Amino acid sequence: MKKLRVGILFGGRSGEHEVSLLSAASVFKAIDQNKYEVVPIGITKDGRWLTSADAERLLTGKPLEHERHLRAGDPEATPSAAVLQNGEAVVVPPEPHKSGTSMMPFQTNAPARRASDRAINIDVIFPVLHGTFGEDGTIQGLLELADIPYVGAGVLGSAAGMDKDIMKSLFRAAGLPIVKHVTVLRSEWELSPNKVQKLVESKLRYPVFVKPANLGSSVGISKARNRKELGAAIKKAARFDRKIVIEEGVGGKKHKAREIECSVLGNDRPEASVPGEIVPSTEFYDYSAKYLDEGSQLIIPAKLTKVETKKIQQLALAAFKAVDCSGLARVDFLMDPKSRKIYVNEINTMPGFTSISMYPKLWAATGVSYPELIERLIHLGMERHAEKKKNQYSR
């Protein structure tokens, strides 16, 4: 039986580039080599597409020559980083290939060679890309134009899941409980900061959380307890996006919200995992707490009543459907520790995917192993593509 060729797409131009390298390395290690032929495809921080055989040792399950702690961006410890450092550059046009599925480069470092000689022939893409230019519908749009099956949400689901302002609008329209929030533009802040601060204070109570609308891994997020901190927080968030979302803190000044997460898997009939809880090492689960510090605690399953567990799973599925998601997502919740009221905070359409990330750990606790999860996601991507092929695009 012919092996399915799976392109693992990783790296990217976002601030979560290093997180993507770690996720890709974990997928490389766990994917079933008897069923799948894996093609590593890296995107550098400056946007160059590369592919090479530098990940071969990892793909064949052989130990690295100098075994060391996995560090993102280290070519000697992370084969996905080696691909980015040493790989052969390709440029990918958005056009379907007539003789089967492939990514067809139209420009290479050797202009005399035919582009077809350098085609990256693949059956399905697993885009292990996080954040901007990977999780926001841009890569998904390229793959749609090229008519290549891929894992995860489509263009709409990815874009809506990335933009916290649009996401919250869709959640509200679906009747989901969300925290009070205000969205402002960077241009509004630059034109009249005092007006923006007054607007926020008229709508919300301190403390508030200030976030770039389009970024992941808690990059650019700050907690503000007063007007002075609010100004600094907005200025920080404005470095990363033109839209800034400001949310009222759950629990008020005296209590800290519980942070609950639930994984979702599927297409038209998605399933929810058992919920888990994050107890961050810092005041909230920011980038440092997620990837740099080691003090954060993951509690799986979360200490909830049966009714609360069922409600979170139902809300996770509703959030998944509200943004037209497919394949996978992790839905994050905030729970008021006093009233125990549950709020849908956000959805992540390509969550961290290392073997120790929350998304696969929640599925492992639900009975789905990491290798099995990868296999199911690949089949869901193929299923979604087959379903879309039923569409008629002309009369």
Protein backbone atom coordinates (compact mmCIF):
# COMPACT_ATOMS: atom_id res chain seq x y z
CA MET A 1 0.00 0.00 0.00
CA LYS A 2 1.35 3.39 -1.04
CA LYS A 3 2.25 5.70 1.82
CA LEU A 4 0.45 9.01 2.09
CA ARG A 5 2.91 11.89 1.61
CA VAL A 6 2.41 14.44 4.37
CA GLY A 7 4.01 17.86 4.18
CA ILE A 8 4.79 19.21 7.66
CA LEU A 9 4.79 22.99 7.28
CA PHE A 10 6.48 24.89 10.10
CA GLY A 11 8.34 28.04 11.12
CA GLY A 12 6.76 31.13 9.63
CA ARG A 13 7.06 34.89 10.00
CA SER A 14 5.13 35.28 13.26
CA GLY A 15 6.38 35.90 16.76
CA GLU A 16 5.49 32.26 17.46
CA HIS A 17 8.11 30.94 15.01
CA GLU A 18 10.05 29.14 17.76
CA VAL A 19 6.89 27.55 19.17
CA SER A 20 6.15 26.19 15.68
CA LEU A 21 9.60 24.55 15.52
CA LEU A 22 8.93 22.72 18.77
CA SER A 23 5.46 21.61 17.63
CA ALA A 24 6.83 20.36 14.29
CA ALA A 25 9.65 18.45 15.97
CA SER A 26 7.12 16.63 18.15
CA VAL A 27 4.95 15.74 15.13
CA PHE A 28 8.03 14.47 13.24
CA LYS A 29 8.87 12.15 16.14
CA ALA A 30 5.36 10.79 16.69
CA ILE A 31 3.93 10.35 13.18
CA ASP A 32 3.59 6.73 12.02
CA GLN A 33 6.45 6.16 9.55
CA ASN A 34 4.83 2.93 8.34
CA LYS A 35 1.80 4.83 7.05
CA TYR A 36 3.16 8.24 6.12
CA GLU A 37 6.08 9.60 4.13
CA VAL A 38 6.90 12.94 5.72
CA VAL A 39 8.16 15.95 3.76
CA PRO A 40 9.47 18.77 5.99
CA ILE A 41 8.74 22.25 4.63
CA GLY A 42 10.10 25.20 6.57
CA ILE A 43 9.35 28.90 6.34
CA THR A 44 12.06 31.22 7.64
CA LYS A 45 11.35 34.32 9.70
CA ASP A 46 11.80 36.43 6.57
CA GLY A 47 9.29 34.30 4.66
CA ARG A 48 11.51 32.03 2.51
CA TRP A 49 10.16 28.52 1.87
CA LEU A 50 12.71 25.74 2.31
CA THR A 51 12.77 21.97 2.11
CA SER A 52 15.55 19.45 2.65
CA ALA A 53 16.36 16.08 4.14
CA ASP A 54 17.93 17.56 7.28
CA ALA A 55 15.17 16.13 9.47
CA GLU A 56 15.92 12.56 8.30
CA ARG A 57 17.48 11.39 11.57
CA LEU A 58 14.43 12.48 13.52
CA LEU A 59 11.98 11.10 10.96
CA THR A 60 13.59 7.64 11.08
CA GLY A 61 13.49 7.64 14.86
CA LYS A 62 17.28 7.73 15.26
CA PRO A 63 18.66 9.72 18.22
CA LEU A 64 20.42 12.96 17.52
CA GLU A 65 24.22 12.72 17.49
CA HIS A 66 24.45 15.13 20.39
CA GLU A 67 21.27 14.52 22.37
CA ARG A 68 20.28 17.67 24.21
CA HIS A 69 17.27 19.50 25.56
CA LEU A 70 14.93 20.47 22.72
CA ARG A 71 15.38 24.18 22.08
CA ALA A 72 13.50 26.11 19.43
CA GLY A 73 15.76 27.64 16.82
CA ASP A 74 18.76 25.38 17.57
CA PRO A 75 19.70 23.55 14.32
CA GLU A 76 21.67 20.91 16.24
CA ALA A 77 18.83 20.07 18.65
CA THR A 78 15.75 20.75 16.52
CA PRO A 79 15.80 19.26 12.98
CA SER A 80 13.03 21.63 11.88
CA ALA A 81 15.44 24.48 12.65
CA ALA A 82 18.12 22.68 10.61
CA VAL A 83 15.80 22.68 7.60
CA LEU A 84 15.39 26.43 7.94
CA GLN A 85 19.16 26.93 8.21
CA ASN A 86 20.30 24.60 5.43
CA GLY A 87 17.27 23.91 3.24
CA GLU A 88 16.90 24.56 -0.47
CA ALA A 89 14.71 27.57 -1.25
CA VAL A 90 11.46 27.19 -3.18
CA VAL A 91 8.71 29.63 -4.09
CA VAL A 92 5.18 28.28 -4.16
CA PRO A 93 2.49 29.58 -6.55
CA PRO A 94 -1.21 29.19 -5.77
CA GLU A 95 -2.04 26.87 -8.66
CA PRO A 96 -3.35 23.29 -8.68
CA HIS A 97 -1.07 20.69 -10.24
CA LYS A 98 -2.80 18.68 -12.96
CA SER A 99 -1.15 15.30 -12.38
CA GLY A 100 -1.94 14.86 -8.70
CA THR A 101 -1.49 16.96 -5.63
CA SER A 102 1.76 18.88 -5.30
CA MET A 103 3.16 22.23 -4.38
CA MET A 104 4.73 23.49 -7.59
CA PRO A 105 7.57 26.01 -7.27
CA PHE A 106 7.75 28.55 -10.09
CA GLN A 107 11.09 30.06 -9.03
CA THR A 108 14.20 28.38 -7.63
CA ASN A 109 17.87 29.02 -7.01
CA ALA A 110 18.64 27.16 -10.25
CA PRO A 111 16.67 29.02 -12.98
CA ALA A 112 17.89 26.70 -15.75
CA ARG A 113 16.06 23.72 -14.28
CA ARG A 114 12.41 23.14 -15.03
CA ALA A 115 10.11 24.06 -12.14
CA SER A 116 8.41 20.66 -12.40
CA ASP A 117 11.71 18.98 -11.47
CA ARG A 118 11.53 20.71 -8.10
CA ALA A 119 7.88 20.08 -7.28
CA ILE A 120 7.14 19.14 -3.67
CA ASN A 121 4.76 16.26 -4.33
CA ILE A 122 2.47 15.78 -1.37
CA ASP A 123 -1.00 14.44 -0.62
CA VAL A 124 -1.84 16.60 2.39
CA ILE A 125 -0.28 19.47 4.34
CA PHE A 126 -0.11 19.62 8.14
CA PRO A 127 0.49 23.34 8.77
CA VAL A 128 2.06 23.38 12.23
CA LEU A 129 2.14 27.19 12.11
CA HIS A 130 1.08 29.40 14.98
CA GLY A 131 0.02 33.04 14.92
CA THR A 132 0.21 35.59 12.11
CA PHE A 133 0.79 34.34 8.53
CA GLY A 134 0.01 30.78 9.55
CA GLU A 135 -3.03 30.52 11.79
CA ASP A 136 -4.89 33.52 10.36
CA GLY A 137 -6.19 32.21 7.02
CA THR A 138 -3.27 33.33 4.85
CA ILE A 139 -1.59 29.93 4.43
CA GLN A 140 -5.02 28.33 4.26
CA GLY A 141 -5.92 30.61 1.34
CA LEU A 142 -2.76 29.60 -0.51
CA LEU A 143 -3.52 25.91 -0.01
CA GLU A 144 -7.14 26.40 -1.12
CA LEU A 145 -5.99 28.08 -4.35
CA ALA A 146 -3.51 25.25 -4.93
CA ASP A 147 -6.30 22.72 -4.19
CA ILE A 148 -4.23 20.86 -1.59
CA PRO A 149 -5.86 19.08 1.38
CA TYR A 150 -4.66 20.39 4.74
CA VAL A 151 -5.14 19.86 8.45
CA GLY A 152 -7.17 22.34 10.47
CA ALA A 153 -9.60 25.19 9.98
CA GLY A 154 -10.30 26.76 6.60
CA VAL A 155 -9.78 30.38 5.59
CA LEU A 156 -12.83 31.76 7.40
CA GLY A 157 -12.42 29.74 10.59
CA SER A 158 -8.71 30.54 10.80
CA ALA A 159 -9.18 34.27 10.19
CA ALA A 160 -12.14 34.58 12.58
CA GLY A 161 -10.36 32.53 15.24
CA MET A 162 -7.28 34.76 14.99
CA ASP A 163 -9.04 38.13 15.29
CA LYS A 164 -10.22 38.42 18.91
CA ASP A 165 -12.62 41.25 18.04
CA ILE A 166 -14.38 39.33 15.24
CA MET A 167 -14.24 36.14 17.30
CA LYS A 168 -16.06 37.78 20.20
CA SER A 169 -18.69 39.19 17.84
CA LEU A 170 -19.38 35.69 16.55
CA PHE A 171 -19.46 34.28 20.09
CA ARG A 172 -21.95 36.96 21.13
CA ALA A 173 -24.11 36.26 18.06
CA ALA A 174 -24.14 32.57 19.02
CA GLY A 175 -25.31 33.45 22.54
CA LEU A 176 -22.10 32.39 24.27
CA PRO A 177 -21.10 34.02 27.57
CA ILE A 178 -18.14 36.39 27.06
CA VAL A 179 -16.49 39.01 29.27
CA LYS A 180 -17.17 42.72 28.81
CA HIS A 181 -14.71 44.25 26.38
CA VAL A 182 -13.90 47.30 24.26
CA THR A 183 -12.08 47.35 20.92
CA VAL A 184 -10.09 50.41 19.84
CA LEU A 185 -7.88 51.14 16.84
CA ARG A 186 -4.23 52.10 17.07
CA SER A 187 -5.01 55.21 15.02
CA GLU A 188 -7.65 56.24 17.59
CA TRP A 189 -5.13 55.81 20.41
CA GLU A 190 -2.47 57.81 18.55
CA LEU A 191 -4.94 60.60 17.75
CA SER A 192 -6.52 60.93 21.20
CA PRO A 193 -5.20 58.71 24.02
CA ASN A 194 -7.21 60.53 26.68
CA LYS A 195 -10.45 59.89 24.78
CA VAL A 196 -9.64 56.18 24.50
CA GLN A 197 -8.81 55.92 28.21
CA LYS A 198 -12.10 57.62 29.13
CA LEU A 199 -14.01 55.27 26.81
CA VAL A 200 -12.44 52.21 28.43
CA GLU A 201 -13.11 53.49 31.96
CA SER A 202 -16.75 54.29 31.09
CA LYS A 203 -17.35 50.72 29.89
CA LEU A 204 -15.09 48.55 32.07
CA ARG A 205 -13.82 48.27 35.63
CA TYR A 206 -10.19 47.74 36.56
CA PRO A 207 -8.32 45.49 36.37
CA VAL A 208 -8.43 45.03 32.60
CA PHE A 209 -6.43 42.91 30.17
CA VAL A 210 -5.11 44.61 27.04
CA LYS A 211 -4.41 42.46 23.98
CA PRO A 212 -3.44 42.84 20.32
CA ALA A 213 -6.48 41.59 18.39
CA ASN A 214 -4.41 39.41 16.04
CA LEU A 215 -1.66 37.56 17.85
CA GLY A 216 -1.28 34.30 19.73
CA SER A 217 0.69 32.75 22.59
CA SER A 218 -0.25 35.71 24.81
CA VAL A 219 2.34 37.93 23.06
CA GLY A 220 1.77 41.65 23.75
CA ILE A 221 -0.79 41.07 26.52
CA SER A 222 -0.70 43.14 29.74
CA LYS A 223 -2.79 43.52 32.86
CA ALA A 224 -3.69 47.10 33.80
CA ARG A 225 -4.92 48.05 37.28
CA ASN A 226 -5.23 51.79 36.74
CA ARG A 227 -5.09 54.52 34.09
CA LYS A 228 -1.30 54.78 34.13
CA GLU A 229 -0.89 51.05 33.50
CA LEU A 230 -3.66 51.16 30.90
CA GLY A 231 -1.75 53.67 28.78
CA ALA A 232 1.44 51.59 28.88
CA ALA A 233 -0.51 48.40 28.09
CA ILE A 234 -2.26 49.92 25.06
CA LYS A 235 1.04 51.28 23.78
CA LYS A 236 2.57 47.81 24.08
CA ALA A 237 -0.35 46.06 22.34
CA ALA A 238 -0.34 48.66 19.55
CA ARG A 239 3.16 47.54 18.57
CA PHE A 240 1.69 44.25 17.40
CA ASP A 241 -1.65 45.13 15.77
CA ARG A 242 -3.84 47.99 14.56
CA LYS A 243 -6.73 46.67 16.67
CA ILE A 244 -6.53 46.45 20.45
CA VAL A 245 -9.00 44.48 22.56
CA ILE A 246 -9.44 45.49 26.21
CA GLU A 247 -11.27 43.03 28.48
CA GLU A 248 -12.63 43.43 31.98
CA GLY A 249 -10.86 41.09 34.38
CA VAL A 250 -12.90 38.18 35.76
CA GLY A 251 -12.97 38.04 39.55
CA GLY A 252 -12.35 41.76 40.10
CA LYS A 253 -9.46 43.17 42.11
CA LYS A 254 -9.47 40.57 44.88
CA HIS A 255 -9.85 37.29 43.02
CA LYS A 256 -7.98 35.71 40.11
CA ALA A 257 -9.96 33.92 37.42
CA ARG A 258 -9.48 30.19 36.96
CA GLU A 259 -8.16 29.37 33.47
CA ILE A 260 -9.86 26.30 31.98
CA GLU A 261 -9.13 24.78 28.56
CA CYS A 262 -10.92 22.21 26.41
CA SER A 263 -9.75 20.55 23.19
CA VAL A 264 -12.05 19.98 20.21
CA LEU A 265 -11.54 17.48 17.38
CA GLY A 266 -13.63 16.91 14.25
CA ASN A 267 -15.32 18.53 11.28
CA ASP A 268 -19.11 18.61 11.02
CA ARG A 269 -19.54 16.41 14.13
CA PRO A 270 -16.82 17.59 16.52
CA GLU A 271 -16.02 16.04 19.90
CA ALA A 272 -14.77 17.71 23.09
CA SER A 273 -12.06 16.41 25.42
CA VAL A 274 -12.06 16.45 29.18
CA PRO A 275 -11.32 20.02 30.39
CA GLY A 276 -8.02 20.92 32.02
CA GLU A 277 -6.92 23.83 34.18
CA ILE A 278 -3.84 26.04 33.96
CA VAL A 279 -2.40 27.39 37.20
CA PRO A 280 0.15 29.90 35.84
CA SER A 281 3.47 30.61 37.49
CA THR A 282 2.89 34.32 36.82
CA GLU A 283 -0.17 36.49 37.47
CA PHE A 284 -1.75 35.23 34.26
CA TYR A 285 -0.80 32.71 31.56
CA ASP A 286 1.43 34.93 29.40
CA TYR A 287 4.15 33.98 26.90
CA SER A 288 6.74 33.64 29.65
CA ALA A 289 4.54 31.32 31.71
CA LYS A 290 3.75 29.20 28.64
CA TYR A 291 7.20 28.71 27.18
CA LEU A 292 9.98 30.03 29.41
CA ASP A 293 9.12 29.44 33.07
CA GLU A 294 8.59 25.95 34.39
CA GLY A 295 6.42 26.78 37.39
CA SER A 296 3.01 26.68 35.70
CA GLN A 297 0.84 23.71 36.66
CA LEU A 298 -1.48 21.74 34.38
CA ILE A 299 -4.36 20.03 36.17
CA ILE A 300 -5.98 17.32 34.03
CA PRO A 301 -8.85 16.80 34.40
CA ALA A 302 -9.81 20.15 35.90
CA LYS A 303 -11.43 20.07 39.32
CA LEU A 304 -14.98 20.77 38.25
CA THR A 305 -18.41 19.34 39.00
CA LYS A 306 -19.98 17.01 36.43
CA VAL A 307 -22.40 19.78 35.48
CA GLU A 308 -19.56 22.31 35.00
CA THR A 309 -17.54 19.81 32.95
CA LYS A 310 -20.48 19.11 30.66
CA LYS A 311 -21.22 22.84 30.28
CA ILE A 312 -17.61 23.62 29.31
CA GLN A 313 -17.61 20.81 26.73
CA GLN A 314 -20.90 22.08 25.27
CA LEU A 315 -19.62 25.67 25.13
CA ALA A 316 -16.38 24.48 23.50
CA LEU A 317 -18.32 22.76 20.72
CA ALA A 318 -20.57 25.80 20.30
CA ALA A 319 -17.53 28.10 20.04
CA PHE A 320 -15.95 25.74 17.48
CA LYS A 321 -19.08 25.92 15.33
CA ALA A 322 -19.55 29.69 15.83
CA VAL A 323 -16.33 30.49 13.95
CA ASP A 324 -16.87 27.70 11.37
CA CYS A 325 -13.85 25.77 12.61
CA SER A 326 -12.75 22.33 11.44
CA GLY A 327 -10.11 19.76 12.32
CA LEU A 328 -8.93 20.97 15.69
CA ALA A 329 -9.11 23.81 18.16
CA ARG A 330 -8.49 24.54 21.81
CA VAL A 331 -11.13 26.66 23.51
CA ASP A 332 -10.05 28.69 26.54
CA PHE A 333 -12.38 29.67 29.36
CA LEU A 334 -12.31 31.94 32.40
CA MET A 335 -14.18 30.97 35.54
CA ASP A 336 -15.05 33.41 38.30
CA PRO A 337 -13.65 31.67 41.43
CA LYS A 338 -16.41 33.10 43.62
CA SER A 339 -19.59 32.84 41.54
CA ARG A 340 -18.19 29.99 39.37
CA LYS A 341 -19.65 31.68 36.31
CA ILE A 342 -17.98 30.45 33.11
CA TYR A 343 -16.95 32.71 30.22
CA VAL A 344 -15.69 31.71 26.77
CA ASN A 345 -12.41 33.60 26.42
CA GLU A 346 -11.03 32.61 23.01
CA ILE A 347 -10.47 29.83 20.49
CA ASN A 348 -7.10 28.72 19.10
CA THR A 349 -7.39 27.04 15.71
CA MET A 350 -3.79 25.72 15.69
CA PRO A 351 -2.84 25.42 19.37
CA GLY A 352 0.61 24.46 20.61
CA PHE A 353 1.19 20.91 19.41
CA THR A 354 4.20 19.55 21.24
CA SER A 355 3.63 16.23 23.00
CA ILE A 356 3.44 18.13 26.31
CA SER A 357 1.15 20.92 25.08
CA MET A 358 -2.31 21.22 26.60
CA TYR A 359 -4.20 20.26 23.41
CA PRO A 360 -2.74 16.74 23.00
CA LYS A 361 -2.49 16.20 26.76
CA LEU A 362 -6.25 16.77 27.11
CA TRP A 363 -6.90 14.24 24.36
CA ALA A 364 -4.50 11.77 25.94
CA ALA A 365 -6.52 12.06 29.16
CA THR A 366 -9.67 11.46 27.09
CA GLY A 367 -8.22 8.30 25.55
CA VAL A 368 -6.66 9.52 22.29
CA SER A 369 -2.86 9.09 22.13
CA TYR A 370 -0.58 11.63 20.45
CA PRO A 371 0.20 9.44 17.38
CA GLU A 372 -3.50 8.58 17.01
CA LEU A 373 -4.38 12.27 17.28
CA ILE A 374 -2.00 13.11 14.41
CA GLU A 375 -3.54 10.35 12.28
CA ARG A 376 -7.10 11.49 12.96
CA LEU A 377 -6.21 15.09 12.10
CA ILE A 378 -4.68 14.04 8.78
CA HIS A 379 -7.82 12.07 7.90
CA LEU A 380 -10.04 14.99 8.94
CA GLY A 381 -8.08 17.25 6.59
CA MET A 382 -8.54 14.77 3.73
CA GLU A 383 -12.23 14.42 4.61
CA ARG A 384 -12.79 18.17 4.55
CA HIS A 385 -11.07 18.47 1.17
CA ALA A 386 -13.19 15.63 -0.28
CA GLU A 387 -16.34 17.32 1.02
CA LYS A 388 -15.34 20.60 -0.60
CA LYS A 389 -14.68 18.85 -3.91
CA LYS A 390 -18.43 18.18 -4.09
CA ASN A 391 -19.00 21.93 -4.55
CA GLN A 392 -19.82 23.28 -8.01
CA TYR A 393 -18.06 26.54 -8.83
CA SER A 394 -19.51 27.23 -12.25
CA ARG A 395 -22.84 26.74 -13.99
